[in-house]
Amino acid sequence: MQILVCYDVATDTAAGRKRLRKVARVCVDHGQRVQKSVFEISVNQVQYEQMLHRLLEFIDQEEDSLRVYRLREPKERYLKEYGVNVSVDYDHDLLMA
């Protein structure tokens, strides 16, 4: 499944900045950053549940927000991109030089 994860973490304290780094790390480990706090992620059901569990461990629900959207598939059929496009297609083989 393809999902979009968006978060806003309060960073006015050291604890908030630490939460932000942890939330970002979970998202980086699972997908591609498309904006500062927005990630496109491709996971199966088990990976999704594990990722969501980790995110909810780090989010302070009194101060932060987390939104997770399931994207219609195939994403390419419904996605319109404008401006600078640095997307990487993780569903196909990549050649690393």
PDB file of N, CA and C in Angstrom:
ATOM      1  N   MET A   1       0.839  -1.173   0.000  1.00  0.00           N
ATOM      2  CA  MET A   1       0.000   0.000   0.000  1.00  0.00           C
ATOM      3  C   MET A   1       0.882   1.233   0.000  1.00  0.00           C
ATOM      4  N   GLN A   2       0.378   2.286  -0.594  1.00  0.00           N
ATOM      5  CA  GLN A   2       1.113   3.539  -0.613  1.00  0.00           C
ATOM      6  C   GLN A   2       0.391   4.525   0.288  1.00  0.00           C
ATOM      7  N   ILE A   3       1.169   5.161   1.163  1.00  0.00           N
ATOM      8  CA  ILE A   3       0.579   6.100   2.108  1.00  0.00           C
ATOM      9  C   ILE A   3       1.354   7.407   2.091  1.00  0.00           C
ATOM     10  N   LEU A   4       0.703   8.435   2.596  1.00  0.00           N
ATOM     11  CA  LEU A   4       1.309   9.745   2.759  1.00  0.00           C
ATOM     12  C   LEU A   4       1.292  10.049   4.246  1.00  0.00           C
ATOM     13  N   VAL A   5       2.456  10.334   4.818  1.00  0.00           N
ATOM     14  CA  VAL A   5       2.564  10.660   6.239  1.00  0.00           C
ATOM     15  C   VAL A   5       2.946  12.129   6.360  1.00  0.00           C
ATOM     16  N   CYS A   6       2.165  12.870   7.141  1.00  0.00           N
ATOM     17  CA  CYS A   6       2.407  14.289   7.383  1.00  0.00           C
ATOM     18  C   CYS A   6       2.444  14.511   8.889  1.00  0.00           C
ATOM     19  N   TYR A   7       3.381  15.294   9.343  1.00  0.00           N
ATOM     20  CA  TYR A   7       3.458  15.542  10.780  1.00  0.00           C
ATOM     21  C   TYR A   7       3.860  16.979  11.054  1.00  0.00           C
ATOM     22  N   ASP A   8       3.493  17.435  12.228  1.00  0.00           N
ATOM     23  CA  ASP A   8       3.890  18.744  12.730  1.00  0.00           C
ATOM     24  C   ASP A   8       4.246  18.540  14.193  1.00  0.00           C
ATOM     25  N   VAL A   9       5.513  18.659  14.513  1.00  0.00           N
ATOM     26  CA  VAL A   9       5.995  18.416  15.871  1.00  0.00           C
ATOM     27  C   VAL A   9       6.425  19.748  16.474  1.00  0.00           C
ATOM     28  N   ALA A  10       5.918  20.045  17.658  1.00  0.00           N
ATOM     29  CA  ALA A  10       6.294  21.271  18.364  1.00  0.00           C
ATOM     30  C   ALA A  10       7.774  21.197  18.731  1.00  0.00           C
ATOM     31  N   THR A  11       8.549  22.195  18.299  1.00  0.00           N
ATOM     32  CA  THR A  11      10.001  22.149  18.506  1.00  0.00           C
ATOM     33  C   THR A  11      10.506  23.289  19.380  1.00  0.00           C
ATOM     34  N   ASP A  12       9.649  23.843  20.219  1.00  0.00           N
ATOM     35  CA  ASP A  12      10.077  24.952  21.070  1.00  0.00           C
ATOM     36  C   ASP A  12      10.842  24.492  22.308  1.00  0.00           C
ATOM     37  N   THR A  13      10.965  23.187  22.510  1.00  0.00           N
ATOM     38  CA  THR A  13      11.752  22.642  23.616  1.00  0.00           C
ATOM     39  C   THR A  13      12.743  21.615  23.071  1.00  0.00           C
ATOM     40  N   ALA A  14      13.736  21.282  23.872  1.00  0.00           N
ATOM     41  CA  ALA A  14      14.704  20.253  23.468  1.00  0.00           C
ATOM     42  C   ALA A  14      14.005  18.912  23.267  1.00  0.00           C
ATOM     43  N   ALA A  15      13.026  18.614  24.120  1.00  0.00           N
ATOM     44  CA  ALA A  15      12.278  17.353  23.980  1.00  0.00           C
ATOM     45  C   ALA A  15      11.515  17.322  22.661  1.00  0.00           C
ATOM     46  N   GLY A  16      10.960  18.455  22.256  1.00  0.00           N
ATOM     47  CA  GLY A  16      10.244  18.530  20.984  1.00  0.00           C
ATOM     48  C   GLY A  16      11.171  18.318  19.803  1.00  0.00           C
ATOM     49  N   ARG A  17      12.348  18.916  19.857  1.00  0.00           N
ATOM     50  CA  ARG A  17      13.320  18.725  18.772  1.00  0.00           C
ATOM     51  C   ARG A  17      13.764  17.266  18.692  1.00  0.00           C
ATOM     52  N   LYS A  18      13.892  16.620  19.843  1.00  0.00           N
ATOM     53  CA  LYS A  18      14.255  15.199  19.863  1.00  0.00           C
ATOM     54  C   LYS A  18      13.135  14.353  19.263  1.00  0.00           C
ATOM     55  N   ARG A  19      11.868  14.670  19.591  1.00  0.00           N
ATOM     56  CA  ARG A  19      10.725  13.950  19.005  1.00  0.00           C
ATOM     57  C   ARG A  19      10.716  14.119  17.492  1.00  0.00           C
ATOM     58  N   LEU A  20      10.976  15.338  17.039  1.00  0.00           N
ATOM     59  CA  LEU A  20      10.995  15.606  15.599  1.00  0.00           C
ATOM     60  C   LEU A  20      12.026  14.724  14.900  1.00  0.00           C
ATOM     61  N   ARG A  21      13.215  14.627  15.447  1.00  0.00           N
ATOM     62  CA  ARG A  21      14.262  13.788  14.835  1.00  0.00           C
ATOM     63  C   ARG A  21      13.836  12.325  14.793  1.00  0.00           C
ATOM     64  N   LYS A  22      13.208  11.856  15.861  1.00  0.00           N
ATOM     65  CA  LYS A  22      12.777  10.453  15.913  1.00  0.00           C
ATOM     66  C   LYS A  22      11.667  10.175  14.903  1.00  0.00           C
ATOM     67  N   VAL A  23      10.693  11.074  14.807  1.00  0.00           N
ATOM     68  CA  VAL A  23       9.595  10.904  13.851  1.00  0.00           C
ATOM     69  C   VAL A  23      10.149  10.936  12.428  1.00  0.00           C
ATOM     70  N   ALA A  24      11.019  11.892  12.145  1.00  0.00           N
ATOM     71  CA  ALA A  24      11.610  11.987  10.808  1.00  0.00           C
ATOM     72  C   ALA A  24      12.402  10.727  10.473  1.00  0.00           C
ATOM     73  N   ARG A  25      13.137  10.183  11.433  1.00  0.00           N
ATOM     74  CA  ARG A  25      13.940   8.981  11.190  1.00  0.00           C
ATOM     75  C   ARG A  25      13.056   7.797  10.818  1.00  0.00           C
ATOM     76  N   VAL A  26      11.935   7.637  11.522  1.00  0.00           N
ATOM     77  CA  VAL A  26      11.009   6.543  11.195  1.00  0.00           C
ATOM     78  C   VAL A  26      10.528   6.699   9.757  1.00  0.00           C
ATOM     79  N   CYS A  27      10.165   7.911   9.378  1.00  0.00           N
ATOM     80  CA  CYS A  27       9.661   8.143   8.022  1.00  0.00           C
ATOM     81  C   CYS A  27      10.751   7.942   6.977  1.00  0.00           C
ATOM     82  N   VAL A  28      11.954   8.432   7.235  1.00  0.00           N
ATOM     83  CA  VAL A  28      13.070   8.245   6.301  1.00  0.00           C
ATOM     84  C   VAL A  28      13.366   6.761   6.114  1.00  0.00           C
ATOM     85  N   ASP A  29      13.255   6.000   7.185  1.00  0.00           N
ATOM     86  CA  ASP A  29      13.524   4.561   7.110  1.00  0.00           C
ATOM     87  C   ASP A  29      12.512   3.816   6.246  1.00  0.00           C
ATOM     88  N   HIS A  30      11.338   4.408   6.032  1.00  0.00           N
ATOM     89  CA  HIS A  30      10.277   3.707   5.308  1.00  0.00           C
ATOM     90  C   HIS A  30       9.939   4.298   3.942  1.00  0.00           C
ATOM     91  N   GLY A  31      10.347   5.535   3.675  1.00  0.00           N
ATOM     92  CA  GLY A  31       9.903   6.126   2.422  1.00  0.00           C
ATOM     93  C   GLY A  31      10.741   7.301   1.973  1.00  0.00           C
ATOM     94  N   GLN A  32      10.115   8.135   1.165  1.00  0.00           N
ATOM     95  CA  GLN A  32      10.792   9.256   0.532  1.00  0.00           C
ATOM     96  C   GLN A  32      10.186  10.570   0.999  1.00  0.00           C
ATOM     97  N   ARG A  33      11.059  11.479   1.448  1.00  0.00           N
ATOM     98  CA  ARG A  33      10.612  12.819   1.839  1.00  0.00           C
ATOM     99  C   ARG A  33      10.228  13.585   0.574  1.00  0.00           C
ATOM    100  N   VAL A  34       9.016  14.138   0.558  1.00  0.00           N
ATOM    101  CA  VAL A  34       8.588  14.939  -0.584  1.00  0.00           C
ATOM    102  C   VAL A  34       8.451  16.406  -0.207  1.00  0.00           C
ATOM    103  N   GLN A  35       8.325  16.692   1.067  1.00  0.00           N
ATOM    104  CA  GLN A  35       8.413  18.038   1.622  1.00  0.00           C
ATOM    105  C   GLN A  35       9.003  17.892   3.017  1.00  0.00           C
ATOM    106  N   LYS A  36       9.246  18.991   3.703  1.00  0.00           N
ATOM    107  CA  LYS A  36       9.963  18.905   4.980  1.00  0.00           C
ATOM    108  C   LYS A  36       9.345  17.924   5.963  1.00  0.00           C
ATOM    109  N   SER A  37       8.046  17.898   6.088  1.00  0.00           N
ATOM    110  CA  SER A  37       7.384  16.998   7.047  1.00  0.00           C
ATOM    111  C   SER A  37       6.353  16.109   6.370  1.00  0.00           C
ATOM    112  N   VAL A  38       6.598  15.783   5.109  1.00  0.00           N
ATOM    113  CA  VAL A  38       5.670  14.959   4.329  1.00  0.00           C
ATOM    114  C   VAL A  38       6.466  13.866   3.623  1.00  0.00           C
ATOM    115  N   PHE A  39       5.989  12.621   3.765  1.00  0.00           N
ATOM    116  CA  PHE A  39       6.681  11.470   3.192  1.00  0.00           C
ATOM    117  C   PHE A  39       5.717  10.598   2.412  1.00  0.00           C
ATOM    118  N   GLU A  40       6.157  10.131   1.236  1.00  0.00           N
ATOM    119  CA  GLU A  40       5.453   9.086   0.502  1.00  0.00           C
ATOM    120  C   GLU A  40       6.101   7.771   0.897  1.00  0.00           C
ATOM    121  N   ILE A  41       5.270   6.814   1.303  1.00  0.00           N
ATOM    122  CA  ILE A  41       5.785   5.566   1.846  1.00  0.00           C
ATOM    123  C   ILE A  41       5.050   4.394   1.211  1.00  0.00           C
ATOM    124  N   SER A  42       5.805   3.378   0.823  1.00  0.00           N
ATOM    125  CA  SER A  42       5.241   2.155   0.266  1.00  0.00           C
ATOM    126  C   SER A  42       5.543   1.017   1.239  1.00  0.00           C
ATOM    127  N   VAL A  43       4.485   0.429   1.820  1.00  0.00           N
ATOM    128  CA  VAL A  43       4.639  -0.618   2.835  1.00  0.00           C
ATOM    129  C   VAL A  43       3.557  -1.672   2.667  1.00  0.00           C
ATOM    130  N   ASN A  44       3.808  -2.841   3.248  1.00  0.00           N
ATOM    131  CA  ASN A  44       2.734  -3.828   3.337  1.00  0.00           C
ATOM    132  C   ASN A  44       2.003  -3.605   4.662  1.00  0.00           C
ATOM    133  N   GLN A  45       0.987  -4.399   4.937  1.00  0.00           N
ATOM    134  CA  GLN A  45       0.163  -4.172   6.129  1.00  0.00           C
ATOM    135  C   GLN A  45       0.967  -4.297   7.424  1.00  0.00           C
ATOM    136  N   VAL A  46       1.829  -5.295   7.501  1.00  0.00           N
ATOM    137  CA  VAL A  46       2.634  -5.496   8.718  1.00  0.00           C
ATOM    138  C   VAL A  46       3.592  -4.322   8.922  1.00  0.00           C
ATOM    139  N   GLN A  47       4.275  -3.911   7.854  1.00  0.00           N
ATOM    140  CA  GLN A  47       5.191  -2.775   7.952  1.00  0.00           C
ATOM    141  C   GLN A  47       4.443  -1.503   8.350  1.00  0.00           C
ATOM    142  N   TYR A  48       3.244  -1.332   7.788  1.00  0.00           N
ATOM    143  CA  TYR A  48       2.429  -0.161   8.113  1.00  0.00           C
ATOM    144  C   TYR A  48       2.115  -0.121   9.606  1.00  0.00           C
ATOM    145  N   GLU A  49       1.665  -1.243  10.146  1.00  0.00           N
ATOM    146  CA  GLU A  49       1.301  -1.291  11.561  1.00  0.00           C
ATOM    147  C   GLU A  49       2.515  -1.061  12.455  1.00  0.00           C
ATOM    148  N   GLN A  50       3.663  -1.618  12.079  1.00  0.00           N
ATOM    149  CA  GLN A  50       4.886  -1.405  12.858  1.00  0.00           C
ATOM    150  C   GLN A  50       5.318   0.058  12.810  1.00  0.00           C
ATOM    151  N   MET A  51       5.276   0.651  11.619  1.00  0.00           N
ATOM    152  CA  MET A  51       5.664   2.044  11.461  1.00  0.00           C
ATOM    153  C   MET A  51       4.743   2.954  12.265  1.00  0.00           C
ATOM    154  N   LEU A  52       3.439   2.723  12.154  1.00  0.00           N
ATOM    155  CA  LEU A  52       2.477   3.554  12.874  1.00  0.00           C
ATOM    156  C   LEU A  52       2.678   3.427  14.384  1.00  0.00           C
ATOM    157  N   HIS A  53       2.929   2.226  14.856  1.00  0.00           N
ATOM    158  CA  HIS A  53       3.190   2.011  16.283  1.00  0.00           C
ATOM    159  C   HIS A  53       4.400   2.831  16.739  1.00  0.00           C
ATOM    160  N   ARG A  54       5.465   2.806  15.949  1.00  0.00           N
ATOM    161  CA  ARG A  54       6.669   3.581  16.296  1.00  0.00           C
ATOM    162  C   ARG A  54       6.385   5.073  16.288  1.00  0.00           C
ATOM    163  N   LEU A  55       5.664   5.548  15.272  1.00  0.00           N
ATOM    164  CA  LEU A  55       5.352   6.977  15.210  1.00  0.00           C
ATOM    165  C   LEU A  55       4.538   7.418  16.422  1.00  0.00           C
ATOM    166  N   LEU A  56       3.559   6.613  16.787  1.00  0.00           N
ATOM    167  CA  LEU A  56       2.706   6.975  17.920  1.00  0.00           C
ATOM    168  C   LEU A  56       3.459   6.921  19.244  1.00  0.00           C
ATOM    169  N   GLU A  57       4.542   6.157  19.310  1.00  0.00           N
ATOM    170  CA  GLU A  57       5.390   6.160  20.507  1.00  0.00           C
ATOM    171  C   GLU A  57       6.081   7.505  20.686  1.00  0.00           C
ATOM    172  N   PHE A  58       6.420   8.159  19.580  1.00  0.00           N
ATOM    173  CA  PHE A  58       7.208   9.391  19.635  1.00  0.00           C
ATOM    174  C   PHE A  58       6.359  10.659  19.657  1.00  0.00           C
ATOM    175  N   ILE A  59       5.203  10.645  19.030  1.00  0.00           N
ATOM    176  CA  ILE A  59       4.351  11.833  18.956  1.00  0.00           C
ATOM    177  C   ILE A  59       3.769  12.150  20.333  1.00  0.00           C
ATOM    178  N   ASP A  60       3.803  13.421  20.706  1.00  0.00           N
ATOM    179  CA  ASP A  60       3.111  13.878  21.910  1.00  0.00           C
ATOM    180  C   ASP A  60       1.748  14.385  21.446  1.00  0.00           C
ATOM    181  N   GLN A  61       0.702  13.628  21.700  1.00  0.00           N
ATOM    182  CA  GLN A  61      -0.617  13.956  21.162  1.00  0.00           C
ATOM    183  C   GLN A  61      -1.218  15.217  21.775  1.00  0.00           C
ATOM    184  N   GLU A  62      -0.583  15.764  22.806  1.00  0.00           N
ATOM    185  CA  GLU A  62      -1.019  17.039  23.385  1.00  0.00           C
ATOM    186  C   GLU A  62      -0.388  18.232  22.661  1.00  0.00           C
ATOM    187  N   GLU A  63       0.735  18.001  21.964  1.00  0.00           N
ATOM    188  CA  GLU A  63       1.471  19.096  21.327  1.00  0.00           C
ATOM    189  C   GLU A  63       1.678  18.928  19.824  1.00  0.00           C
ATOM    190  N   ASP A  64       1.692  17.702  19.336  1.00  0.00           N
ATOM    191  CA  ASP A  64       2.053  17.417  17.945  1.00  0.00           C
ATOM    192  C   ASP A  64       0.844  16.900  17.170  1.00  0.00           C
ATOM    193  N   SER A  65       1.002  16.837  15.854  1.00  0.00           N
ATOM    194  CA  SER A  65      -0.048  16.218  15.036  1.00  0.00           C
ATOM    195  C   SER A  65       0.592  15.269  14.029  1.00  0.00           C
ATOM    196  N   LEU A  66      -0.161  14.241  13.706  1.00  0.00           N
ATOM    197  CA  LEU A  66       0.270  13.222  12.748  1.00  0.00           C
ATOM    198  C   LEU A  66      -0.935  12.864  11.896  1.00  0.00           C
ATOM    199  N   ARG A  67      -0.744  12.890  10.577  1.00  0.00           N
ATOM    200  CA  ARG A  67      -1.797  12.479   9.645  1.00  0.00           C
ATOM    201  C   ARG A  67      -1.226  11.422   8.724  1.00  0.00           C
ATOM    202  N   VAL A  68      -2.015  10.372   8.505  1.00  0.00           N
ATOM    203  CA  VAL A  68      -1.605   9.285   7.618  1.00  0.00           C
ATOM    204  C   VAL A  68      -2.736   9.066   6.623  1.00  0.00           C
ATOM    205  N   TYR A  69      -2.431   9.225   5.341  1.00  0.00           N
ATOM    206  CA  TYR A  69      -3.418   9.055   4.277  1.00  0.00           C
ATOM    207  C   TYR A  69      -3.034   7.850   3.433  1.00  0.00           C
ATOM    208  N   ARG A  70      -3.991   7.029   3.103  1.00  0.00           N
ATOM    209  CA  ARG A  70      -3.737   5.953   2.137  1.00  0.00           C
ATOM    210  C   ARG A  70      -3.994   6.525   0.749  1.00  0.00           C
ATOM    211  N   LEU A  71      -3.022   6.363  -0.141  1.00  0.00           N
ATOM    212  CA  LEU A  71      -3.125   6.908  -1.493  1.00  0.00           C
ATOM    213  C   LEU A  71      -3.837   5.927  -2.407  1.00  0.00           C
ATOM    214  N   ARG A  72      -4.592   6.470  -3.335  1.00  0.00           N
ATOM    215  CA  ARG A  72      -5.228   5.615  -4.344  1.00  0.00           C
ATOM    216  C   ARG A  72      -4.145   5.056  -5.247  1.00  0.00           C
ATOM    217  N   GLU A  73      -4.299   3.809  -5.605  1.00  0.00           N
ATOM    218  CA  GLU A  73      -3.286   3.162  -6.436  1.00  0.00           C
ATOM    219  C   GLU A  73      -3.859   2.825  -7.803  1.00  0.00           C
ATOM    220  N   PRO A  74      -3.067   2.905  -8.864  1.00  0.00           N
ATOM    221  CA  PRO A  74      -1.663   3.298  -8.820  1.00  0.00           C
ATOM    222  C   PRO A  74      -1.525   4.806  -8.600  1.00  0.00           C
ATOM    223  N   LYS A  75      -0.621   5.174  -7.732  1.00  0.00           N
ATOM    224  CA  LYS A  75      -0.415   6.575  -7.354  1.00  0.00           C
ATOM    225  C   LYS A  75      -0.185   7.454  -8.580  1.00  0.00           C
ATOM    226  N   GLU A  76       0.585   6.950  -9.536  1.00  0.00           N
ATOM    227  CA  GLU A  76       0.940   7.745 -10.713  1.00  0.00           C
ATOM    228  C   GLU A  76      -0.290   8.189 -11.501  1.00  0.00           C
ATOM    229  N   ARG A  77      -1.354   7.425 -11.422  1.00  0.00           N
ATOM    230  CA  ARG A  77      -2.573   7.776 -12.156  1.00  0.00           C
ATOM    231  C   ARG A  77      -3.268   8.989 -11.542  1.00  0.00           C
ATOM    232  N   TYR A  78      -3.107   9.188 -10.251  1.00  0.00           N
ATOM    233  CA  TYR A  78      -3.828  10.236  -9.540  1.00  0.00           C
ATOM    234  C   TYR A  78      -2.942  11.387  -9.082  1.00  0.00           C
ATOM    235  N   LEU A  79      -1.646  11.266  -9.248  1.00  0.00           N
ATOM    236  CA  LEU A  79      -0.701  12.261  -8.760  1.00  0.00           C
ATOM    237  C   LEU A  79      -0.374  13.278  -9.842  1.00  0.00           C
ATOM    238  N   LYS A  80      -0.425  14.531  -9.486  1.00  0.00           N
ATOM    239  CA  LYS A  80       0.027  15.618 -10.361  1.00  0.00           C
ATOM    240  C   LYS A  80       1.158  16.324  -9.630  1.00  0.00           C
ATOM    241  N   GLU A  81       2.314  16.447 -10.269  1.00  0.00           N
ATOM    242  CA  GLU A  81       3.462  17.113  -9.660  1.00  0.00           C
ATOM    243  C   GLU A  81       3.798  18.357 -10.466  1.00  0.00           C
ATOM    244  N   TYR A  82       4.115  19.438  -9.763  1.00  0.00           N
ATOM    245  CA  TYR A  82       4.483  20.697 -10.402  1.00  0.00           C
ATOM    246  C   TYR A  82       5.744  21.228  -9.733  1.00  0.00           C
ATOM    247  N   GLY A  83       6.552  21.918 -10.482  1.00  0.00           N
ATOM    248  CA  GLY A  83       7.770  22.473  -9.908  1.00  0.00           C
ATOM    249  C   GLY A  83       8.885  21.450  -9.892  1.00  0.00           C
ATOM    250  N   VAL A  84       9.812  21.654  -8.988  1.00  0.00           N
ATOM    251  CA  VAL A  84      10.978  20.785  -8.882  1.00  0.00           C
ATOM    252  C   VAL A  84      10.526  19.390  -8.487  1.00  0.00           C
ATOM    253  N   ASN A  85      10.937  18.401  -9.279  1.00  0.00           N
ATOM    254  CA  ASN A  85      10.538  17.016  -9.031  1.00  0.00           C
ATOM    255  C   ASN A  85      11.791  16.188  -8.785  1.00  0.00           C
ATOM    256  N   VAL A  86      11.932  15.710  -7.560  1.00  0.00           N
ATOM    257  CA  VAL A  86      13.090  14.880  -7.229  1.00  0.00           C
ATOM    258  C   VAL A  86      12.644  13.490  -6.791  1.00  0.00           C
ATOM    259  N   SER A  87      11.499  13.043  -7.283  1.00  0.00           N
ATOM    260  CA  SER A  87      10.957  11.744  -6.896  1.00  0.00           C
ATOM    261  C   SER A  87      11.849  10.612  -7.379  1.00  0.00           C
ATOM    262  N   VAL A  88      11.889   9.566  -6.590  1.00  0.00           N
ATOM    263  CA  VAL A  88      12.592   8.339  -6.948  1.00  0.00           C
ATOM    264  C   VAL A  88      11.568   7.222  -6.937  1.00  0.00           C
ATOM    265  N   ASP A  89      11.563   6.401  -7.977  1.00  0.00           N
ATOM    266  CA  ASP A  89      10.635   5.278  -8.065  1.00  0.00           C
ATOM    267  C   ASP A  89      11.246   4.080  -7.357  1.00  0.00           C
ATOM    268  N   TYR A  90      10.823   3.839  -6.114  1.00  0.00           N
ATOM    269  CA  TYR A  90      11.380   2.744  -5.324  1.00  0.00           C
ATOM    270  C   TYR A  90      10.768   1.393  -5.680  1.00  0.00           C
ATOM    271  N   ASP A  91       9.743   1.376  -6.510  1.00  0.00           N
ATOM    272  CA  ASP A  91       9.099   0.119  -6.874  1.00  0.00           C
ATOM    273  C   ASP A  91       9.844  -0.621  -7.976  1.00  0.00           C
ATOM    274  N   HIS A  92      10.818   0.031  -8.602  1.00  0.00           N
ATOM    275  CA  HIS A  92      11.588  -0.595  -9.669  1.00  0.00           C
ATOM    276  C   HIS A  92      13.067  -0.568  -9.304  1.00  0.00           C
ATOM    277  N   ASP A  93      13.842  -1.391  -9.965  1.00  0.00           N
ATOM    278  CA  ASP A  93      15.270  -1.486  -9.681  1.00  0.00           C
ATOM    279  C   ASP A  93      15.953  -0.143  -9.864  1.00  0.00           C
ATOM    280  N   LEU A  94      16.913   0.132  -8.971  1.00  0.00           N
ATOM    281  CA  LEU A  94      17.723   1.340  -9.068  1.00  0.00           C
ATOM    282  C   LEU A  94      19.154   0.940  -9.374  1.00  0.00           C
ATOM    283  N   LEU A  95      19.826   1.712 -10.204  1.00  0.00           N
ATOM    284  CA  LEU A  95      21.230   1.481 -10.504  1.00  0.00           C
ATOM    285  C   LEU A  95      22.038   2.491  -9.711  1.00  0.00           C
ATOM    286  N   MET A  96      22.870   2.008  -8.819  1.00  0.00           N
ATOM    287  CA  MET A  96      23.698   2.881  -7.992  1.00  0.00           C
ATOM    288  C   MET A  96      25.110   2.871  -8.563  1.00  0.00           C
ATOM    289  N   ALA A  97      25.635   4.049  -8.854  1.00  0.00           N
ATOM    290  CA  ALA A  97      26.987   4.138  -9.427  1.00  0.00           C
ATOM    291  C   ALA A  97      28.000   4.487  -8.368  1.00  0.00           C
TER     292      ALA A  97
END
